[in-house]
């Protein structure tokens, strides 16, 4: 009876939350933890601090917080449109007028 070949083992991929995390230095000189959120995982409406528009349900975006705050600093997290975060050096944060 011939032996069955087993496929070579592949290393297990990291969970999506760990594989896509990165630290970026902002134009202000501070480091920020940046985590992309897929559109399929975006289940709430947020307001982008870069443009002051809504990030609607189902829209891929970024969650950003100061790197030194740690992952448990929920109050420091901000949800940004990806282009707004990429162009933040060219425009300041908006201010909502009530």
PDB file of N, CA and C in Angstrom:
ATOM      1  N   UNK A   1       0.840  -1.174   0.000  1.00  0.00           N
ATOM      2  CA  UNK A   1       0.000   0.000   0.000  1.00  0.00           C
ATOM      3  C   UNK A   1       0.897   1.252   0.000  1.00  0.00           C
ATOM      4  N   UNK A   2       0.688   2.202  -0.918  1.00  0.00           N
ATOM      5  CA  UNK A   2       1.538   3.390  -1.004  1.00  0.00           C
ATOM      6  C   UNK A   2       1.282   4.331   0.184  1.00  0.00           C
ATOM      7  N   UNK A   3       2.326   5.009   0.566  1.00  0.00           N
ATOM      8  CA  UNK A   3       2.215   5.969   1.672  1.00  0.00           C
ATOM      9  C   UNK A   3       1.590   7.267   1.192  1.00  0.00           C
ATOM     10  N   UNK A   4       0.764   7.853   2.038  1.00  0.00           N
ATOM     11  CA  UNK A   4       0.170   9.156   1.700  1.00  0.00           C
ATOM     12  C   UNK A   4       1.142  10.260   2.068  1.00  0.00           C
ATOM     13  N   UNK A   5       1.288  11.161   1.162  1.00  0.00           N
ATOM     14  CA  UNK A   5       2.165  12.307   1.437  1.00  0.00           C
ATOM     15  C   UNK A   5       1.384  13.384   2.160  1.00  0.00           C
ATOM     16  N   UNK A   6       1.955  13.885   3.190  1.00  0.00           N
ATOM     17  CA  UNK A   6       1.321  15.006   3.881  1.00  0.00           C
ATOM     18  C   UNK A   6       1.934  16.297   3.368  1.00  0.00           C
ATOM     19  N   UNK A   7       1.123  17.301   3.165  1.00  0.00           N
ATOM     20  CA  UNK A   7       1.664  18.574   2.669  1.00  0.00           C
ATOM     21  C   UNK A   7       2.591  19.181   3.728  1.00  0.00           C
ATOM     22  N   UNK A   8       3.561  19.982   3.287  1.00  0.00           N
ATOM     23  CA  UNK A   8       4.460  20.615   4.258  1.00  0.00           C
ATOM     24  C   UNK A   8       3.679  21.573   5.155  1.00  0.00           C
ATOM     25  N   UNK A   9       4.093  21.657   6.382  1.00  0.00           N
ATOM     26  CA  UNK A   9       3.411  22.554   7.325  1.00  0.00           C
ATOM     27  C   UNK A   9       3.780  23.994   7.034  1.00  0.00           C
ATOM     28  N   UNK A  10       2.784  24.824   7.052  1.00  0.00           N
ATOM     29  CA  UNK A  10       3.004  26.258   6.868  1.00  0.00           C
ATOM     30  C   UNK A  10       2.901  26.925   8.230  1.00  0.00           C
ATOM     31  N   UNK A  11       3.665  27.983   8.430  1.00  0.00           N
ATOM     32  CA  UNK A  11       3.520  28.689   9.707  1.00  0.00           C
ATOM     33  C   UNK A  11       2.133  29.309   9.789  1.00  0.00           C
ATOM     34  N   UNK A  12       1.591  29.292  10.973  1.00  0.00           N
ATOM     35  CA  UNK A  12       0.268  29.876  11.178  1.00  0.00           C
ATOM     36  C   UNK A  12       0.334  31.385  11.002  1.00  0.00           C
ATOM     37  N   UNK A  13      -0.607  31.951  10.245  1.00  0.00           N
ATOM     38  CA  UNK A  13      -0.594  33.415  10.102  1.00  0.00           C
ATOM     39  C   UNK A  13      -1.024  34.069  11.409  1.00  0.00           C
ATOM     40  N   UNK A  14      -0.562  35.292  11.604  1.00  0.00           N
ATOM     41  CA  UNK A  14      -0.978  36.052  12.773  1.00  0.00           C
ATOM     42  C   UNK A  14      -2.441  36.432  12.641  1.00  0.00           C
ATOM     43  N   UNK A  15      -3.135  36.623  13.763  1.00  0.00           N
ATOM     44  CA  UNK A  15      -4.506  37.128  13.668  1.00  0.00           C
ATOM     45  C   UNK A  15      -4.497  38.475  12.954  1.00  0.00           C
ATOM     46  N   UNK A  16      -5.579  38.801  12.231  1.00  0.00           N
ATOM     47  CA  UNK A  16      -5.591  40.057  11.462  1.00  0.00           C
ATOM     48  C   UNK A  16      -5.287  41.287  12.304  1.00  0.00           C
ATOM     49  N   UNK A  17      -5.740  41.305  13.555  1.00  0.00           N
ATOM     50  CA  UNK A  17      -5.504  42.483  14.383  1.00  0.00           C
ATOM     51  C   UNK A  17      -4.025  42.670  14.690  1.00  0.00           C
ATOM     52  N   UNK A  18      -3.249  41.597  14.786  1.00  0.00           N
ATOM     53  CA  UNK A  18      -1.824  41.723  15.070  1.00  0.00           C
ATOM     54  C   UNK A  18      -0.994  41.867  13.805  1.00  0.00           C
ATOM     55  N   UNK A  19      -1.440  41.269  12.720  1.00  0.00           N
ATOM     56  CA  UNK A  19      -0.662  41.294  11.488  1.00  0.00           C
ATOM     57  C   UNK A  19      -0.659  42.673  10.839  1.00  0.00           C
ATOM     58  N   UNK A  20      -1.695  43.472  11.045  1.00  0.00           N
ATOM     59  CA  UNK A  20      -1.827  44.738  10.342  1.00  0.00           C
ATOM     60  C   UNK A  20      -1.555  45.946  11.222  1.00  0.00           C
ATOM     61  N   UNK A  21      -1.232  45.730  12.481  1.00  0.00           N
ATOM     62  CA  UNK A  21      -0.923  46.854  13.362  1.00  0.00           C
ATOM     63  C   UNK A  21       0.422  47.449  12.978  1.00  0.00           C
ATOM     64  N   UNK A  22       0.522  48.751  13.143  1.00  0.00           N
ATOM     65  CA  UNK A  22       1.792  49.397  12.872  1.00  0.00           C
ATOM     66  C   UNK A  22       1.889  50.651  13.736  1.00  0.00           C
ATOM     67  N   UNK A  23       3.093  51.113  13.908  1.00  0.00           N
ATOM     68  CA  UNK A  23       3.332  52.351  14.641  1.00  0.00           C
ATOM     69  C   UNK A  23       3.881  53.364  13.651  1.00  0.00           C
ATOM     70  N   UNK A  24       3.273  54.544  13.642  1.00  0.00           N
ATOM     71  CA  UNK A  24       3.704  55.612  12.735  1.00  0.00           C
ATOM     72  C   UNK A  24       4.036  56.849  13.562  1.00  0.00           C
ATOM     73  N   UNK A  25       5.017  57.587  13.103  1.00  0.00           N
ATOM     74  CA  UNK A  25       5.339  58.862  13.725  1.00  0.00           C
ATOM     75  C   UNK A  25       4.571  59.948  12.987  1.00  0.00           C
ATOM     76  N   UNK A  26       3.824  60.718  13.743  1.00  0.00           N
ATOM     77  CA  UNK A  26       3.011  61.771  13.146  1.00  0.00           C
ATOM     78  C   UNK A  26       3.806  63.029  12.901  1.00  0.00           C
ATOM     79  N   UNK A  27       3.206  63.995  12.193  1.00  0.00           N
ATOM     80  CA  UNK A  27       3.897  65.255  11.920  1.00  0.00           C
ATOM     81  C   UNK A  27       4.193  66.039  13.202  1.00  0.00           C
ATOM     82  N   UNK A  28       3.497  65.684  14.281  1.00  0.00           N
ATOM     83  CA  UNK A  28       3.730  66.343  15.562  1.00  0.00           C
ATOM     84  C   UNK A  28       4.889  65.710  16.333  1.00  0.00           C
ATOM     85  N   UNK A  29       5.498  64.644  15.779  1.00  0.00           N
ATOM     86  CA  UNK A  29       6.629  63.988  16.411  1.00  0.00           C
ATOM     87  C   UNK A  29       6.255  62.862  17.354  1.00  0.00           C
ATOM     88  N   UNK A  30       4.966  62.663  17.611  1.00  0.00           N
ATOM     89  CA  UNK A  30       4.520  61.590  18.494  1.00  0.00           C
ATOM     90  C   UNK A  30       4.276  60.313  17.705  1.00  0.00           C
ATOM     91  N   UNK A  31       4.415  59.181  18.374  1.00  0.00           N
ATOM     92  CA  UNK A  31       4.149  57.891  17.746  1.00  0.00           C
ATOM     93  C   UNK A  31       2.696  57.495  17.971  1.00  0.00           C
ATOM     94  N   UNK A  32       2.096  56.920  16.912  1.00  0.00           N
ATOM     95  CA  UNK A  32       0.705  56.489  16.974  1.00  0.00           C
ATOM     96  C   UNK A  32       0.588  55.039  16.534  1.00  0.00           C
ATOM     97  N   UNK A  33      -0.219  54.294  17.244  1.00  0.00           N
ATOM     98  CA  UNK A  33      -0.561  52.933  16.842  1.00  0.00           C
ATOM     99  C   UNK A  33      -1.696  53.063  15.834  1.00  0.00           C
ATOM    100  N   UNK A  34      -1.565  52.406  14.698  1.00  0.00           N
ATOM    101  CA  UNK A  34      -2.542  52.502  13.611  1.00  0.00           C
ATOM    102  C   UNK A  34      -3.027  51.100  13.291  1.00  0.00           C
ATOM    103  N   UNK A  35      -4.332  50.928  13.282  1.00  0.00           N
ATOM    104  CA  UNK A  35      -4.903  49.616  12.971  1.00  0.00           C
ATOM    105  C   UNK A  35      -6.008  49.785  11.917  1.00  0.00           C
ATOM    106  N   UNK A  36      -5.846  49.153  10.755  1.00  0.00           N
ATOM    107  CA  UNK A  36      -6.904  49.220   9.738  1.00  0.00           C
ATOM    108  C   UNK A  36      -8.105  48.374  10.156  1.00  0.00           C
ATOM    109  N   UNK A  37      -9.278  48.871   9.836  1.00  0.00           N
ATOM    110  CA  UNK A  37     -10.529  48.159  10.078  1.00  0.00           C
ATOM    111  C   UNK A  37     -11.166  47.884   8.721  1.00  0.00           C
ATOM    112  N   UNK A  38     -11.428  46.622   8.448  1.00  0.00           N
ATOM    113  CA  UNK A  38     -12.071  46.244   7.181  1.00  0.00           C
ATOM    114  C   UNK A  38     -13.518  46.716   7.182  1.00  0.00           C
ATOM    115  N   UNK A  39     -14.034  46.985   6.010  1.00  0.00           N
ATOM    116  CA  UNK A  39     -15.416  47.421   5.893  1.00  0.00           C
ATOM    117  C   UNK A  39     -16.394  46.428   6.482  1.00  0.00           C
ATOM    118  N   UNK A  40     -16.101  45.143   6.372  1.00  0.00           N
ATOM    119  CA  UNK A  40     -17.000  44.119   6.913  1.00  0.00           C
ATOM    120  C   UNK A  40     -17.030  44.125   8.438  1.00  0.00           C
ATOM    121  N   UNK A  41     -16.011  44.719   9.075  1.00  0.00           N
ATOM    122  CA  UNK A  41     -15.961  44.777  10.537  1.00  0.00           C
ATOM    123  C   UNK A  41     -16.395  46.126  11.080  1.00  0.00           C
ATOM    124  N   UNK A  42     -16.677  47.074  10.199  1.00  0.00           N
ATOM    125  CA  UNK A  42     -17.099  48.411  10.622  1.00  0.00           C
ATOM    126  C   UNK A  42     -18.613  48.410  10.827  1.00  0.00           C
ATOM    127  N   UNK A  43     -19.017  48.306  12.080  1.00  0.00           N
ATOM    128  CA  UNK A  43     -20.446  48.137  12.386  1.00  0.00           C
ATOM    129  C   UNK A  43     -21.067  49.329  13.086  1.00  0.00           C
ATOM    130  N   UNK A  44     -20.300  50.387  13.317  1.00  0.00           N
ATOM    131  CA  UNK A  44     -20.823  51.585  13.970  1.00  0.00           C
ATOM    132  C   UNK A  44     -20.466  52.808  13.135  1.00  0.00           C
ATOM    133  N   UNK A  45     -21.164  53.888  13.385  1.00  0.00           N
ATOM    134  CA  UNK A  45     -20.878  55.160  12.724  1.00  0.00           C
ATOM    135  C   UNK A  45     -19.930  55.948  13.626  1.00  0.00           C
ATOM    136  N   UNK A  46     -18.865  56.483  13.033  1.00  0.00           N
ATOM    137  CA  UNK A  46     -17.906  57.308  13.759  1.00  0.00           C
ATOM    138  C   UNK A  46     -17.753  58.627  13.018  1.00  0.00           C
ATOM    139  N   UNK A  47     -17.147  59.617  13.669  1.00  0.00           N
ATOM    140  CA  UNK A  47     -16.873  60.899  13.036  1.00  0.00           C
ATOM    141  C   UNK A  47     -15.363  61.050  12.911  1.00  0.00           C
ATOM    142  N   UNK A  48     -14.906  61.266  11.690  1.00  0.00           N
ATOM    143  CA  UNK A  48     -13.480  61.396  11.406  1.00  0.00           C
ATOM    144  C   UNK A  48     -12.981  62.759  11.901  1.00  0.00           C
ATOM    145  N   UNK A  49     -11.917  62.778  12.727  1.00  0.00           N
ATOM    146  CA  UNK A  49     -11.392  64.066  13.183  1.00  0.00           C
ATOM    147  C   UNK A  49     -10.656  64.840  12.087  1.00  0.00           C
ATOM    148  N   UNK A  50     -10.336  64.200  10.979  1.00  0.00           N
ATOM    149  CA  UNK A  50      -9.626  64.878   9.897  1.00  0.00           C
ATOM    150  C   UNK A  50     -10.520  65.723   9.028  1.00  0.00           C
ATOM    151  N   UNK A  51     -11.741  65.250   8.781  1.00  0.00           N
ATOM    152  CA  UNK A  51     -12.647  65.981   7.882  1.00  0.00           C
ATOM    153  C   UNK A  51     -13.979  66.324   8.536  1.00  0.00           C
ATOM    154  N   UNK A  52     -14.234  65.783   9.726  1.00  0.00           N
ATOM    155  CA  UNK A  52     -15.466  65.999  10.477  1.00  0.00           C
ATOM    156  C   UNK A  52     -16.697  65.415   9.779  1.00  0.00           C
ATOM    157  N   UNK A  53     -16.482  64.466   8.868  1.00  0.00           N
ATOM    158  CA  UNK A  53     -17.595  63.758   8.248  1.00  0.00           C
ATOM    159  C   UNK A  53     -17.760  62.403   8.901  1.00  0.00           C
ATOM    160  N   UNK A  54     -18.925  61.812   8.715  1.00  0.00           N
ATOM    161  CA  UNK A  54     -19.178  60.490   9.279  1.00  0.00           C
ATOM    162  C   UNK A  54     -18.410  59.410   8.542  1.00  0.00           C
ATOM    163  N   UNK A  55     -17.964  58.410   9.293  1.00  0.00           N
ATOM    164  CA  UNK A  55     -17.455  57.169   8.720  1.00  0.00           C
ATOM    165  C   UNK A  55     -18.616  56.202   8.862  1.00  0.00           C
ATOM    166  N   UNK A  56     -19.264  55.913   7.777  1.00  0.00           N
ATOM    167  CA  UNK A  56     -20.489  55.113   7.816  1.00  0.00           C
ATOM    168  C   UNK A  56     -20.211  53.636   8.014  1.00  0.00           C
ATOM    169  N   UNK A  57     -21.243  52.923   8.431  1.00  0.00           N
ATOM    170  CA  UNK A  57     -21.167  51.471   8.603  1.00  0.00           C
ATOM    171  C   UNK A  57     -20.736  50.845   7.279  1.00  0.00           C
ATOM    172  N   UNK A  58     -19.816  49.904   7.350  1.00  0.00           N
ATOM    173  CA  UNK A  58     -19.342  49.211   6.153  1.00  0.00           C
ATOM    174  C   UNK A  58     -18.198  49.895   5.434  1.00  0.00           C
ATOM    175  N   UNK A  59     -17.707  51.014   5.973  1.00  0.00           N
ATOM    176  CA  UNK A  59     -16.613  51.744   5.345  1.00  0.00           C
ATOM    177  C   UNK A  59     -15.288  51.354   6.005  1.00  0.00           C
ATOM    178  N   UNK A  60     -14.344  50.893   5.215  1.00  0.00           N
ATOM    179  CA  UNK A  60     -13.015  50.589   5.734  1.00  0.00           C
ATOM    180  C   UNK A  60     -12.369  51.887   6.212  1.00  0.00           C
ATOM    181  N   UNK A  61     -11.679  51.830   7.345  1.00  0.00           N
ATOM    182  CA  UNK A  61     -11.055  53.021   7.906  1.00  0.00           C
ATOM    183  C   UNK A  61      -9.926  52.607   8.843  1.00  0.00           C
ATOM    184  N   UNK A  62      -9.358  53.566   9.574  1.00  0.00           N
ATOM    185  CA  UNK A  62      -8.261  53.311  10.503  1.00  0.00           C
ATOM    186  C   UNK A  62      -8.669  53.702  11.917  1.00  0.00           C
ATOM    187  N   UNK A  63      -8.195  52.946  12.889  1.00  0.00           N
ATOM    188  CA  UNK A  63      -8.315  53.325  14.289  1.00  0.00           C
ATOM    189  C   UNK A  63      -6.910  53.706  14.739  1.00  0.00           C
ATOM    190  N   UNK A  64      -6.787  54.882  15.349  1.00  0.00           N
ATOM    191  CA  UNK A  64      -5.488  55.441  15.703  1.00  0.00           C
ATOM    192  C   UNK A  64      -5.516  55.889  17.159  1.00  0.00           C
ATOM    193  N   UNK A  65      -4.422  55.612  17.876  1.00  0.00           N
ATOM    194  CA  UNK A  65      -4.293  56.105  19.239  1.00  0.00           C
ATOM    195  C   UNK A  65      -2.815  56.293  19.558  1.00  0.00           C
ATOM    196  N   UNK A  66      -2.487  57.114  20.557  1.00  0.00           N
ATOM    197  CA  UNK A  66      -1.082  57.314  20.912  1.00  0.00           C
ATOM    198  C   UNK A  66      -0.438  55.997  21.310  1.00  0.00           C
ATOM    199  N   UNK A  67       0.754  55.731  20.798  1.00  0.00           N
ATOM    200  CA  UNK A  67       1.424  54.450  21.037  1.00  0.00           C
ATOM    201  C   UNK A  67       1.764  54.263  22.505  1.00  0.00           C
ATOM    202  N   UNK A  68       2.059  55.338  23.203  1.00  0.00           N
ATOM    203  CA  UNK A  68       2.434  55.198  24.609  1.00  0.00           C
ATOM    204  C   UNK A  68       1.222  55.018  25.526  1.00  0.00           C
ATOM    205  N   UNK A  69       0.011  55.155  24.989  1.00  0.00           N
ATOM    206  CA  UNK A  69      -1.189  55.016  25.810  1.00  0.00           C
ATOM    207  C   UNK A  69      -1.544  53.558  26.062  1.00  0.00           C
ATOM    208  N   UNK A  70      -1.018  52.652  25.253  1.00  0.00           N
ATOM    209  CA  UNK A  70      -1.355  51.241  25.411  1.00  0.00           C
ATOM    210  C   UNK A  70      -2.677  50.932  24.741  1.00  0.00           C
ATOM    211  N   UNK A  71      -2.922  49.661  24.536  1.00  0.00           N
ATOM    212  CA  UNK A  71      -4.120  49.249  23.818  1.00  0.00           C
ATOM    213  C   UNK A  71      -5.395  49.429  24.634  1.00  0.00           C
ATOM    214  N   UNK A  72      -5.263  49.542  25.940  1.00  0.00           N
ATOM    215  CA  UNK A  72      -6.453  49.658  26.785  1.00  0.00           C
ATOM    216  C   UNK A  72      -6.982  51.084  26.871  1.00  0.00           C
ATOM    217  N   UNK A  73      -6.308  52.054  26.280  1.00  0.00           N
ATOM    218  CA  UNK A  73      -6.725  53.458  26.346  1.00  0.00           C
ATOM    219  C   UNK A  73      -7.831  53.731  25.330  1.00  0.00           C
ATOM    220  N   UNK A  74      -9.008  53.225  25.604  1.00  0.00           N
ATOM    221  CA  UNK A  74     -10.132  53.341  24.668  1.00  0.00           C
ATOM    222  C   UNK A  74     -10.518  54.792  24.430  1.00  0.00           C
ATOM    223  N   UNK A  75     -10.415  55.635  25.443  1.00  0.00           N
ATOM    224  CA  UNK A  75     -10.803  57.040  25.293  1.00  0.00           C
ATOM    225  C   UNK A  75      -9.904  57.809  24.331  1.00  0.00           C
ATOM    226  N   UNK A  76      -8.692  57.319  24.108  1.00  0.00           N
ATOM    227  CA  UNK A  76      -7.751  58.015  23.224  1.00  0.00           C
ATOM    228  C   UNK A  76      -7.851  57.565  21.774  1.00  0.00           C
ATOM    229  N   UNK A  77      -8.653  56.556  21.491  1.00  0.00           N
ATOM    230  CA  UNK A  77      -8.756  56.045  20.119  1.00  0.00           C
ATOM    231  C   UNK A  77      -9.609  56.971  19.269  1.00  0.00           C
ATOM    232  N   UNK A  78      -9.171  57.128  18.019  1.00  0.00           N
ATOM    233  CA  UNK A  78      -9.928  57.929  17.052  1.00  0.00           C
ATOM    234  C   UNK A  78     -10.046  57.126  15.764  1.00  0.00           C
ATOM    235  N   UNK A  79     -11.196  57.227  15.134  1.00  0.00           N
ATOM    236  CA  UNK A  79     -11.457  56.545  13.865  1.00  0.00           C
ATOM    237  C   UNK A  79     -11.302  57.574  12.752  1.00  0.00           C
ATOM    238  N   UNK A  80     -10.424  57.266  11.792  1.00  0.00           N
ATOM    239  CA  UNK A  80     -10.097  58.171  10.700  1.00  0.00           C
ATOM    240  C   UNK A  80     -10.419  57.526   9.360  1.00  0.00           C
ATOM    241  N   UNK A  81     -10.861  58.334   8.390  1.00  0.00           N
ATOM    242  CA  UNK A  81     -10.860  57.864   7.008  1.00  0.00           C
ATOM    243  C   UNK A  81      -9.395  57.648   6.633  1.00  0.00           C
ATOM    244  N   UNK A  82      -9.110  56.655   5.845  1.00  0.00           N
ATOM    245  CA  UNK A  82      -7.728  56.356   5.468  1.00  0.00           C
ATOM    246  C   UNK A  82      -7.061  57.543   4.764  1.00  0.00           C
ATOM    247  N   UNK A  83      -7.713  58.206   3.773  1.00  0.00           N
ATOM    248  CA  UNK A  83      -7.062  59.363   3.129  1.00  0.00           C
ATOM    249  C   UNK A  83      -6.867  60.542   4.089  1.00  0.00           C
ATOM    250  N   UNK A  84      -7.790  60.727   5.025  1.00  0.00           N
ATOM    251  CA  UNK A  84      -7.647  61.829   5.985  1.00  0.00           C
ATOM    252  C   UNK A  84      -6.415  61.611   6.866  1.00  0.00           C
ATOM    253  N   UNK A  85      -6.205  60.371   7.308  1.00  0.00           N
ATOM    254  CA  UNK A  85      -5.020  60.073   8.112  1.00  0.00           C
ATOM    255  C   UNK A  85      -3.747  60.267   7.283  1.00  0.00           C
ATOM    256  N   UNK A  86      -3.767  59.824   6.040  1.00  0.00           N
ATOM    257  CA  UNK A  86      -2.584  59.937   5.183  1.00  0.00           C
ATOM    258  C   UNK A  86      -2.226  61.401   4.910  1.00  0.00           C
ATOM    259  N   UNK A  87      -3.217  62.290   4.896  1.00  0.00           N
ATOM    260  CA  UNK A  87      -2.982  63.703   4.568  1.00  0.00           C
ATOM    261  C   UNK A  87      -3.073  64.621   5.777  1.00  0.00           C
ATOM    262  N   UNK A  88      -2.974  64.075   6.976  1.00  0.00           N
ATOM    263  CA  UNK A  88      -3.154  64.870   8.182  1.00  0.00           C
ATOM    264  C   UNK A  88      -2.090  65.952   8.349  1.00  0.00           C
ATOM    265  N   UNK A  89      -0.925  65.772   7.750  1.00  0.00           N
ATOM    266  CA  UNK A  89       0.130  66.780   7.873  1.00  0.00           C
ATOM    267  C   UNK A  89      -0.219  68.049   7.098  1.00  0.00           C
ATOM    268  N   UNK A  90      -1.097  67.924   6.122  1.00  0.00           N
ATOM    269  CA  UNK A  90      -1.442  69.058   5.264  1.00  0.00           C
ATOM    270  C   UNK A  90      -2.694  69.795   5.722  1.00  0.00           C
ATOM    271  N   UNK A  91      -3.370  69.230   6.712  1.00  0.00           N
ATOM    272  CA  UNK A  91      -4.559  69.897   7.230  1.00  0.00           C
ATOM    273  C   UNK A  91      -4.656  69.604   8.711  1.00  0.00           C
ATOM    274  N   UNK A  92      -5.097  70.572   9.445  1.00  0.00           N
ATOM    275  CA  UNK A  92      -5.217  70.401  10.892  1.00  0.00           C
ATOM    276  C   UNK A  92      -6.504  69.698  11.250  1.00  0.00           C
ATOM    277  N   UNK A  93      -6.625  69.302  12.503  1.00  0.00           N
ATOM    278  CA  UNK A  93      -7.881  68.686  12.919  1.00  0.00           C
ATOM    279  C   UNK A  93      -9.022  69.690  12.823  1.00  0.00           C
ATOM    280  N   UNK A  94     -10.184  69.208  12.534  1.00  0.00           N
ATOM    281  CA  UNK A  94     -11.333  70.094  12.404  1.00  0.00           C
ATOM    282  C   UNK A  94     -11.929  70.340  13.768  1.00  0.00           C
ATOM    283  N   UNK A  95     -12.754  71.342  13.831  1.00  0.00           N
ATOM    284  CA  UNK A  95     -13.453  71.664  15.061  1.00  0.00           C
ATOM    285  C   UNK A  95     -14.936  71.691  14.767  1.00  0.00           C
ATOM    286  N   UNK A  96     -15.665  70.887  15.491  1.00  0.00           N
ATOM    287  CA  UNK A  96     -17.115  70.853  15.273  1.00  0.00           C
ATOM    288  C   UNK A  96     -17.748  72.073  15.916  1.00  0.00           C
ATOM    289  N   UNK A  97     -18.576  72.741  15.155  1.00  0.00           N
ATOM    290  CA  UNK A  97     -19.300  73.892  15.676  1.00  0.00           C
ATOM    291  C   UNK A  97     -20.693  73.444  16.027  1.00  0.00           C
ATOM    292  N   UNK A  98     -21.167  73.783  17.210  1.00  0.00           N
ATOM    293  CA  UNK A  98     -22.530  73.397  17.604  1.00  0.00           C
ATOM    294  C   UNK A  98     -23.447  74.577  17.679  1.00  0.00           C
TER     295      UNK A  98
END
